[in-house]
Amino acid sequence: MAVNFPSIEASRLHAVPGVELGWAEANIRKPNRKDVLVMRLAAGSTVSGVFTTNRFCAAPVTVCKEHLAAKAGIRALVVNTGNANAGTGEPGMLATRATCDALAKLLNVSSNQILPFSTGVILEPLPVDRLVAGLPQAIGNLAPAHWYEAAQSIMTTDTLPKAASRQIVIDGQTIVLTGVSKGAGMIKPNMATMLGFVGTNARVAQPVLDALVKFVADRSFNAITIDGDTSTNDSFIVAATGQTELPEIASTDTPAFAALRDALLSISQELAQLIVRDGEGATKFITVTVEGGRDVAECRQIAYAIGHSPLVKTAFFASDPNLGRILAAIGYAGVNDLDVSKIDLYLDDVLVARAGGRNADYREEDGQRVMKQSEITVRVVLGRGDAAATLWTCDLSHDYVSINADYRS
């Protein structure tokens, strides 16, 4: 039931020089499905990531952070679906380390050069023997063109694989960016609740890549919500392989950096929005923009209050312009000195509320017309500054309840 989900063709996902991808059917949870992914990176690649803020973070998240901090030079990523390896205590840590050890031995690299990732059911032991047994098959499938298969192999409740690709030219050199993501529920990143991997052949200094990943995440994967739940596992990783003649991007104050930043932001926003479009049970794709704030933080705070509200989301599902629910969400968002008499509320081009009250010219049929659309924009004007923020969300349908009630069956 994905909302206006674009057709993704494997042939249009550009290979990234320095990245190879392979998958396996390891029967982690269900038979006859891709459930293990290996991404091998060229030597000398620069890798950076941001991770869930959930204090119950999964074992692979802890190990990822350790391996990135070791600065040994990441050479591969390994992802399993079907089991989150979260809430598994010390056995979960041992299973993650065993996975890294096994892949490192097969690739002839060090264990701390492997980044592990898991997604799926929480509080169940990881069948590490199956995962490790699947690694040779994944390595045997390694090829630069396997981005679409990579997207398939990290899905959980996703109904469609999510992938995107870009090519840009910087100083006469072609720079490629291709990425995949997964996620459909338990989505409220901070940074959390999804997996996203982007590879590029640009050469980027580590401090610059670290800053770039955080900048991009805050404006893409940290600007989506399905249900307000922050997961235990998920991560956004960018790998820059340096397989280009373009000189290293070593400063954030250069045209080359700006070009790469814009391309990475574009592809990351597309991947993040695909998660919302494929939200569990979603029938509406909703953009929430809050502008005229004192700072971005309060704009995001209000936008998330709207995007998380079950009453707002169910009204969108029903195409019911019960728009007082949006005003209520603005009011309880926690901006304590908010002057509601200055607030305007728009539904697409329809001015619903002016100066904190119902617009005298607003007609119910105008609200109904917009609410019936599959894509809707909610715009809130606070009238107290110049800051703005945008996030993307979806409605809340009967199917969301059914999907999550039956998730483990």
Protein backbone atom coordinates (compact mmCIF):
# COMPACT_ATOMS: atom_id res chain seq x y z
CA MET A 1 0.00 0.00 0.00
CA ALA A 2 2.98 2.29 -0.57
CA VAL A 3 2.00 5.88 -1.39
CA ASN A 4 3.08 7.01 -4.86
CA PHE A 5 6.18 4.86 -4.60
CA PRO A 6 8.39 5.41 -7.66
CA SER A 7 9.44 2.60 -9.92
CA ILE A 8 13.01 1.62 -9.03
CA GLU A 9 14.91 -0.08 -11.84
CA ALA A 10 18.06 -2.01 -11.00
CA SER A 11 19.69 -0.88 -14.25
CA ARG A 12 19.43 2.78 -13.19
CA LEU A 13 21.33 2.26 -9.94
CA HIS A 14 24.89 3.25 -10.79
CA ALA A 15 27.76 1.09 -9.62
CA VAL A 16 30.04 2.93 -7.21
CA PRO A 17 33.73 2.35 -7.90
CA GLY A 18 35.20 0.72 -4.81
CA VAL A 19 31.95 -0.89 -3.57
CA GLU A 20 30.89 -4.51 -4.15
CA LEU A 21 27.67 -6.04 -2.82
CA GLY A 22 26.62 -9.64 -2.29
CA TRP A 23 23.73 -11.38 -0.55
CA ALA A 24 22.76 -14.73 0.89
CA GLU A 25 19.64 -16.65 1.85
CA ALA A 26 20.69 -17.78 5.31
CA ASN A 27 17.26 -18.59 6.81
CA ILE A 28 17.79 -16.13 9.65
CA ARG A 29 14.03 -16.01 10.30
CA LYS A 30 12.19 -17.13 7.16
CA PRO A 31 13.30 -19.43 4.34
CA ASN A 32 13.76 -18.51 0.71
CA ARG A 33 14.47 -14.82 1.14
CA LYS A 34 17.56 -12.66 0.94
CA ASP A 35 18.49 -11.92 4.55
CA VAL A 36 22.26 -11.33 4.64
CA LEU A 37 24.13 -8.55 2.87
CA VAL A 38 27.88 -8.01 2.57
CA MET A 39 29.29 -4.74 1.22
CA ARG A 40 33.03 -4.84 0.52
CA LEU A 41 34.87 -1.50 0.31
CA ALA A 42 38.12 -0.62 -1.38
CA ALA A 43 41.17 -0.16 0.82
CA GLY A 44 41.54 3.44 1.92
CA SER A 45 37.79 4.14 2.04
CA THR A 46 36.56 6.70 4.54
CA VAL A 47 33.46 5.68 6.49
CA SER A 48 31.25 7.60 8.89
CA GLY A 49 27.90 7.00 10.52
CA VAL A 50 25.25 8.11 12.97
CA PHE A 51 23.28 5.73 15.15
CA THR A 52 20.20 5.25 17.27
CA THR A 53 19.85 7.22 20.51
CA ASN A 54 17.82 4.42 22.10
CA ARG A 55 19.59 3.46 25.34
CA PHE A 56 18.64 -0.17 24.64
CA CYS A 57 20.73 -0.07 21.49
CA ALA A 58 21.50 -3.38 19.83
CA ALA A 59 24.81 -5.22 20.07
CA PRO A 60 25.81 -4.39 16.46
CA VAL A 61 25.35 -0.67 17.13
CA THR A 62 27.78 -0.87 20.05
CA VAL A 63 30.30 -2.81 17.99
CA CYS A 64 29.95 -0.43 15.01
CA LYS A 65 30.82 2.51 17.22
CA GLU A 66 33.81 0.66 18.62
CA HIS A 67 35.14 -0.27 15.19
CA LEU A 68 34.70 3.23 13.77
CA ALA A 69 36.51 4.67 16.81
CA ALA A 70 39.41 2.25 16.27
CA LYS A 71 40.21 4.00 12.95
CA ALA A 72 41.56 0.78 11.46
CA GLY A 73 40.06 1.47 8.03
CA ILE A 74 36.66 -0.11 7.43
CA ARG A 75 36.73 -2.73 4.66
CA ALA A 76 33.26 -4.29 4.81
CA LEU A 77 29.73 -4.05 6.17
CA VAL A 78 27.57 -7.04 7.04
CA VAL A 79 23.81 -6.79 7.54
CA ASN A 80 21.27 -9.39 8.60
CA THR A 81 17.52 -9.04 8.61
CA GLY A 82 14.96 -11.08 10.55
CA ASN A 83 16.63 -10.61 13.94
CA ALA A 84 17.62 -7.34 15.60
CA ASN A 85 20.11 -8.86 18.07
CA ALA A 86 18.82 -6.28 20.57
CA GLY A 87 17.95 -7.00 24.17
CA THR A 88 20.18 -10.05 23.94
CA GLY A 89 22.80 -9.16 26.55
CA GLU A 90 26.30 -10.58 26.47
CA PRO A 91 25.36 -13.48 24.16
CA GLY A 92 24.27 -10.89 21.61
CA MET A 93 27.62 -9.12 21.85
CA LEU A 94 29.45 -12.41 21.41
CA ALA A 95 27.31 -13.24 18.37
CA THR A 96 28.08 -9.88 16.77
CA ARG A 97 31.81 -10.24 17.38
CA ALA A 98 31.71 -13.79 16.01
CA THR A 99 30.07 -12.48 12.84
CA CYS A 100 32.77 -9.86 12.41
CA ASP A 101 35.50 -12.42 13.06
CA ALA A 102 34.07 -14.83 10.49
CA LEU A 103 33.70 -12.22 7.76
CA ALA A 104 37.12 -10.75 8.48
CA LYS A 105 38.71 -14.19 8.07
CA LEU A 106 36.94 -14.75 4.76
CA LEU A 107 37.98 -11.33 3.43
CA ASN A 108 41.49 -11.47 4.91
CA VAL A 109 41.07 -8.28 6.94
CA SER A 110 40.93 -7.48 10.66
CA SER A 111 37.77 -7.94 12.69
CA ASN A 112 37.69 -4.26 13.63
CA GLN A 113 37.55 -3.40 9.93
CA ILE A 114 34.01 -4.86 9.76
CA LEU A 115 30.83 -2.92 10.58
CA PRO A 116 27.91 -5.20 11.62
CA PHE A 117 24.20 -4.35 11.39
CA SER A 118 21.03 -6.23 12.32
CA THR A 119 17.32 -5.53 11.93
CA GLY A 120 14.21 -7.48 12.82
CA VAL A 121 12.65 -8.89 15.96
CA ILE A 122 13.96 -7.64 19.33
CA LEU A 123 14.70 -9.85 22.37
CA GLU A 124 15.39 -13.04 20.42
CA PRO A 125 18.82 -14.70 20.19
CA LEU A 126 20.61 -14.16 16.90
CA PRO A 127 21.07 -17.47 15.02
CA VAL A 128 24.70 -16.63 14.44
CA ASP A 129 25.56 -20.06 13.08
CA ARG A 130 23.12 -19.53 10.19
CA LEU A 131 24.44 -16.03 9.59
CA VAL A 132 28.06 -17.18 9.48
CA ALA A 133 27.15 -20.13 7.26
CA GLY A 134 25.61 -17.69 4.77
CA LEU A 135 28.67 -15.46 4.48
CA PRO A 136 30.48 -17.52 1.78
CA GLN A 137 27.38 -17.33 -0.43
CA ALA A 138 27.21 -13.55 0.06
CA ILE A 139 30.89 -13.18 -0.80
CA GLY A 140 30.41 -15.36 -3.85
CA ASN A 141 27.72 -12.94 -5.06
CA LEU A 142 29.88 -9.82 -4.64
CA ALA A 143 29.58 -7.46 -7.62
CA PRO A 144 29.45 -3.66 -8.08
CA ALA A 145 26.01 -3.73 -9.76
CA HIS A 146 24.06 -5.45 -6.98
CA TRP A 147 22.47 -2.39 -5.32
CA TYR A 148 18.90 -3.50 -6.03
CA GLU A 149 19.56 -6.92 -4.54
CA ALA A 150 21.18 -5.19 -1.57
CA ALA A 151 17.98 -3.21 -1.01
CA GLN A 152 15.96 -6.43 -1.12
CA SER A 153 18.19 -8.21 1.36
CA ILE A 154 17.75 -5.66 4.19
CA MET A 155 13.92 -5.50 4.13
CA THR A 156 11.76 -6.44 7.14
CA THR A 157 8.12 -5.24 6.99
CA ASP A 158 8.99 -3.15 3.94
CA THR A 159 6.74 -3.94 1.00
CA LEU A 160 9.21 -2.62 -1.59
CA PRO A 161 13.01 -2.30 -1.84
CA LYS A 162 14.31 1.24 -1.44
CA ALA A 163 17.25 2.52 -3.48
CA ALA A 164 18.39 5.69 -5.23
CA SER A 165 21.33 6.87 -7.32
CA ARG A 166 22.98 10.07 -8.51
CA GLN A 167 25.82 11.09 -10.82
CA ILE A 168 27.36 14.56 -10.62
CA VAL A 169 30.41 16.16 -12.20
CA ILE A 170 32.87 18.06 -10.01
CA ASP A 171 35.85 19.71 -11.70
CA GLY A 172 35.45 17.44 -14.70
CA GLN A 173 35.31 14.23 -12.65
CA THR A 174 32.21 12.02 -12.42
CA ILE A 175 31.17 11.37 -8.84
CA VAL A 176 28.67 8.60 -8.21
CA LEU A 177 26.38 8.23 -5.20
CA THR A 178 24.14 5.18 -4.76
CA GLY A 179 22.34 4.07 -1.64
CA VAL A 180 19.74 1.79 -0.11
CA SER A 181 17.51 2.09 2.93
CA LYS A 182 14.99 0.03 4.84
CA GLY A 183 12.22 0.84 7.25
CA ALA A 184 8.45 0.93 7.40
CA GLY A 185 7.57 1.01 11.11
CA MET A 186 9.15 1.92 14.45
CA ILE A 187 10.25 5.10 12.70
CA LYS A 188 11.18 8.23 14.60
CA PRO A 189 14.87 8.77 14.01
CA ASN A 190 17.08 10.73 16.34
CA MET A 191 19.28 9.05 14.86
CA ALA A 192 17.32 5.82 14.64
CA THR A 193 14.77 3.38 13.30
CA MET A 194 16.04 2.65 9.86
CA LEU A 195 19.04 1.38 7.99
CA GLY A 196 20.57 3.58 5.34
CA PHE A 197 23.79 2.98 3.40
CA VAL A 198 25.22 5.30 0.75
CA GLY A 199 28.42 4.75 -1.19
CA THR A 200 30.32 7.31 -3.23
CA ASN A 201 33.60 7.25 -5.10
CA ALA A 202 34.50 10.74 -3.82
CA ARG A 203 37.61 11.07 -1.68
CA VAL A 204 36.66 12.78 1.59
CA ALA A 205 38.74 13.50 4.68
CA GLN A 206 37.42 11.84 7.84
CA PRO A 207 36.53 15.04 9.77
CA VAL A 208 34.73 16.41 6.72
CA LEU A 209 32.77 13.18 6.20
CA ASP A 210 31.83 13.07 9.89
CA ALA A 211 30.40 16.59 9.69
CA LEU A 212 28.70 15.88 6.37
CA VAL A 213 26.92 12.74 7.59
CA LYS A 214 25.51 14.54 10.64
CA PHE A 215 24.40 17.52 8.51
CA VAL A 216 22.65 15.28 6.00
CA ALA A 217 21.08 12.95 8.58
CA ASP A 218 19.46 15.86 10.43
CA ARG A 219 17.76 16.97 7.20
CA SER A 220 16.74 13.55 5.89
CA PHE A 221 16.54 10.47 8.09
CA ASN A 222 16.12 12.62 11.20
CA ALA A 223 13.19 14.39 9.56
CA ILE A 224 10.80 11.45 9.14
CA THR A 225 8.33 9.72 11.43
CA ILE A 226 5.87 6.88 10.96
CA ASP A 227 4.75 6.18 14.51
CA GLY A 228 7.03 8.08 16.90
CA ASP A 229 8.87 4.95 18.09
CA THR A 230 12.67 5.05 18.18
CA SER A 231 14.20 1.67 17.34
CA THR A 232 17.11 -0.06 19.00
CA ASN A 233 19.25 -0.75 15.98
CA ASP A 234 19.35 1.45 13.07
CA SER A 235 22.00 3.48 11.46
CA PHE A 236 22.99 5.74 8.58
CA ILE A 237 26.37 5.03 7.02
CA VAL A 238 28.24 6.81 4.23
CA ALA A 239 31.32 5.22 2.64
CA ALA A 240 33.60 7.35 0.44
CA THR A 241 35.91 5.03 -1.48
CA GLY A 242 38.20 7.64 -3.05
CA GLN A 243 38.13 5.87 -6.43
CA THR A 244 38.36 9.08 -8.48
CA GLU A 245 40.94 11.52 -9.80
CA LEU A 246 39.19 14.34 -7.95
CA PRO A 247 41.43 15.59 -5.13
CA GLU A 248 40.43 14.84 -1.56
CA ILE A 249 37.67 17.05 -0.19
CA ALA A 250 39.43 18.23 2.95
CA SER A 251 37.42 21.34 3.81
CA THR A 252 33.76 22.25 4.15
CA ASP A 253 34.51 25.63 2.57
CA THR A 254 34.98 24.58 -1.06
CA PRO A 255 32.73 24.29 -4.12
CA ALA A 256 33.54 20.58 -4.31
CA PHE A 257 32.23 20.04 -0.79
CA ALA A 258 29.07 22.02 -1.53
CA ALA A 259 28.39 19.94 -4.63
CA LEU A 260 28.89 16.66 -2.78
CA ARG A 261 26.82 17.87 0.19
CA ASP A 262 23.89 18.79 -2.04
CA ALA A 263 24.01 15.47 -3.88
CA LEU A 264 24.26 13.45 -0.66
CA LEU A 265 21.40 15.43 0.87
CA SER A 266 19.26 14.86 -2.22
CA ILE A 267 19.78 11.10 -2.30
CA SER A 268 19.36 10.78 1.47
CA GLN A 269 16.09 12.71 1.46
CA GLU A 270 14.83 10.47 -1.34
CA LEU A 271 15.75 7.34 0.61
CA ALA A 272 14.18 8.73 3.79
CA GLN A 273 10.98 9.69 2.00
CA LEU A 274 10.74 6.21 0.47
CA ILE A 275 10.56 4.88 4.04
CA VAL A 276 7.58 7.15 4.76
CA ARG A 277 5.88 6.29 1.45
CA ASP A 278 6.16 2.62 2.44
CA GLY A 279 5.08 3.25 6.03
CA GLU A 280 3.17 0.36 7.56
CA GLY A 281 -0.42 0.75 6.36
CA ALA A 282 0.20 4.23 4.94
CA THR A 283 -2.30 5.73 2.49
CA LYS A 284 -1.19 9.39 2.67
CA PHE A 285 2.26 11.02 2.37
CA ILE A 286 2.30 14.19 4.48
CA THR A 287 4.82 17.03 4.51
CA VAL A 288 4.79 19.12 7.67
CA THR A 289 6.53 22.49 7.46
CA VAL A 290 6.80 24.83 10.42
CA GLU A 291 8.16 28.29 9.66
CA GLY A 292 8.48 31.65 11.35
CA GLY A 293 10.03 30.13 14.46
CA ARG A 294 12.73 31.51 16.75
CA ASP A 295 15.00 28.55 16.04
CA VAL A 296 15.00 25.28 14.13
CA ALA A 297 14.65 23.25 17.33
CA GLU A 298 11.25 24.67 18.21
CA CYS A 299 10.07 24.31 14.62
CA ARG A 300 11.02 20.63 14.68
CA GLN A 301 9.39 20.21 18.08
CA ILE A 302 6.07 21.48 16.78
CA ALA A 303 6.35 19.56 13.51
CA TYR A 304 6.94 16.30 15.38
CA ALA A 305 3.97 16.98 17.69
CA ILE A 306 1.79 17.17 14.59
CA GLY A 307 3.45 14.22 12.87
CA HIS A 308 3.18 11.96 15.93
CA SER A 309 -0.40 12.73 16.93
CA PRO A 310 -2.63 9.64 16.51
CA LEU A 311 -5.64 11.94 16.30
CA VAL A 312 -4.10 13.98 13.49
CA LYS A 313 -2.89 10.89 11.65
CA THR A 314 -6.22 9.07 11.86
CA ALA A 315 -8.02 12.20 10.63
CA PHE A 316 -5.76 12.17 7.57
CA PHE A 317 -6.52 8.48 7.03
CA ALA A 318 -10.26 9.22 7.13
CA SER A 319 -9.87 12.30 4.88
CA ASP A 320 -11.65 14.17 7.67
CA PRO A 321 -10.74 17.89 7.93
CA ASN A 322 -10.97 17.81 11.72
CA LEU A 323 -8.15 20.34 11.73
CA GLY A 324 -8.56 21.54 15.28
CA ARG A 325 -6.50 18.46 16.10
CA ILE A 326 -3.52 20.10 14.42
CA LEU A 327 -3.97 23.27 16.49
CA ALA A 328 -4.13 21.14 19.63
CA ALA A 329 -0.87 19.40 18.70
CA ILE A 330 0.82 22.77 18.13
CA GLY A 331 -0.37 23.90 21.53
CA TYR A 332 0.92 20.90 23.48
CA ALA A 333 4.23 20.64 21.63
CA GLY A 334 6.06 22.17 24.59
CA VAL A 335 6.97 25.64 23.29
CA ASN A 336 5.79 27.28 26.47
CA ASP A 337 5.96 30.94 25.42
CA LEU A 338 4.17 30.38 22.10
CA ASP A 339 1.78 33.20 21.22
CA VAL A 340 -1.03 31.35 19.47
CA SER A 341 -2.65 34.61 18.37
CA LYS A 342 0.10 34.95 15.75
CA ILE A 343 -0.24 31.48 14.23
CA ASP A 344 -1.54 30.75 10.74
CA LEU A 345 -2.31 27.21 9.55
CA TYR A 346 -2.44 26.12 5.91
CA LEU A 347 -3.53 22.83 4.37
CA ASP A 348 -1.79 22.96 0.99
CA ASP A 349 -3.01 26.30 -0.40
CA VAL A 350 -6.02 26.52 1.93
CA LEU A 351 -5.72 28.99 4.83
CA VAL A 352 -7.50 27.17 7.63
CA ALA A 353 -6.64 29.32 10.64
CA ARG A 354 -5.55 32.93 10.78
CA ALA A 355 -4.11 34.64 13.85
CA GLY A 356 -4.88 31.63 16.02
CA GLY A 357 -8.53 31.26 15.04
CA ARG A 358 -10.61 29.81 12.21
CA ASN A 359 -10.16 31.77 9.00
CA ALA A 360 -13.47 33.48 8.23
CA ASP A 361 -13.15 32.46 4.57
CA TYR A 362 -12.32 28.81 5.26
CA ARG A 363 -14.84 26.36 3.87
CA GLU A 364 -15.13 22.74 4.98
CA GLU A 365 -15.28 21.54 1.38
CA ASP A 366 -11.88 23.13 0.70
CA GLY A 367 -10.35 21.18 3.56
CA GLN A 368 -12.12 18.03 2.39
CA ARG A 369 -10.71 18.47 -1.11
CA VAL A 370 -7.14 18.56 0.20
CA MET A 371 -7.62 15.76 2.73
CA LYS A 372 -8.71 13.37 -0.04
CA GLN A 373 -5.35 13.76 -1.79
CA SER A 374 -2.66 11.12 -1.41
CA GLU A 375 -0.01 13.83 -0.82
CA ILE A 376 -0.71 16.71 1.54
CA THR A 377 1.29 19.61 2.96
CA VAL A 378 0.59 21.05 6.40
CA ARG A 379 2.18 24.49 6.82
CA VAL A 380 2.32 26.27 10.16
CA VAL A 381 3.46 29.89 10.37
CA LEU A 382 4.44 30.84 13.93
CA GLY A 383 5.08 34.54 13.37
CA ARG A 384 7.95 34.81 15.84
CA GLY A 385 11.18 34.56 13.81
CA ASP A 386 12.87 33.36 10.65
CA ALA A 387 13.62 29.69 11.43
CA ALA A 388 11.93 26.79 9.67
CA ALA A 389 11.93 23.00 9.61
CA THR A 390 10.30 20.30 7.48
CA LEU A 391 9.55 16.67 8.22
CA TRP A 392 7.71 13.91 6.41
CA THR A 393 5.14 11.55 7.87
CA CYS A 394 2.10 9.47 6.92
CA ASP A 395 -1.38 8.69 8.15
CA LEU A 396 -2.33 5.95 10.64
CA SER A 397 -4.60 3.27 9.21
CA HIS A 398 -6.28 0.04 10.27
CA ASP A 399 -3.52 -1.85 8.47
CA TYR A 400 -0.83 -0.36 10.75
CA VAL A 401 -2.48 -2.09 13.72
CA SER A 402 -2.87 -5.36 11.81
CA ILE A 403 0.74 -5.39 10.58
CA ASN A 404 2.17 -4.81 14.05
CA ALA A 405 -0.27 -7.18 15.76
CA ASP A 406 0.85 -9.97 13.41
CA TYR A 407 4.54 -8.95 13.12
CA ARG A 408 5.99 -12.12 14.71
CA SER A 409 3.51 -14.61 13.28
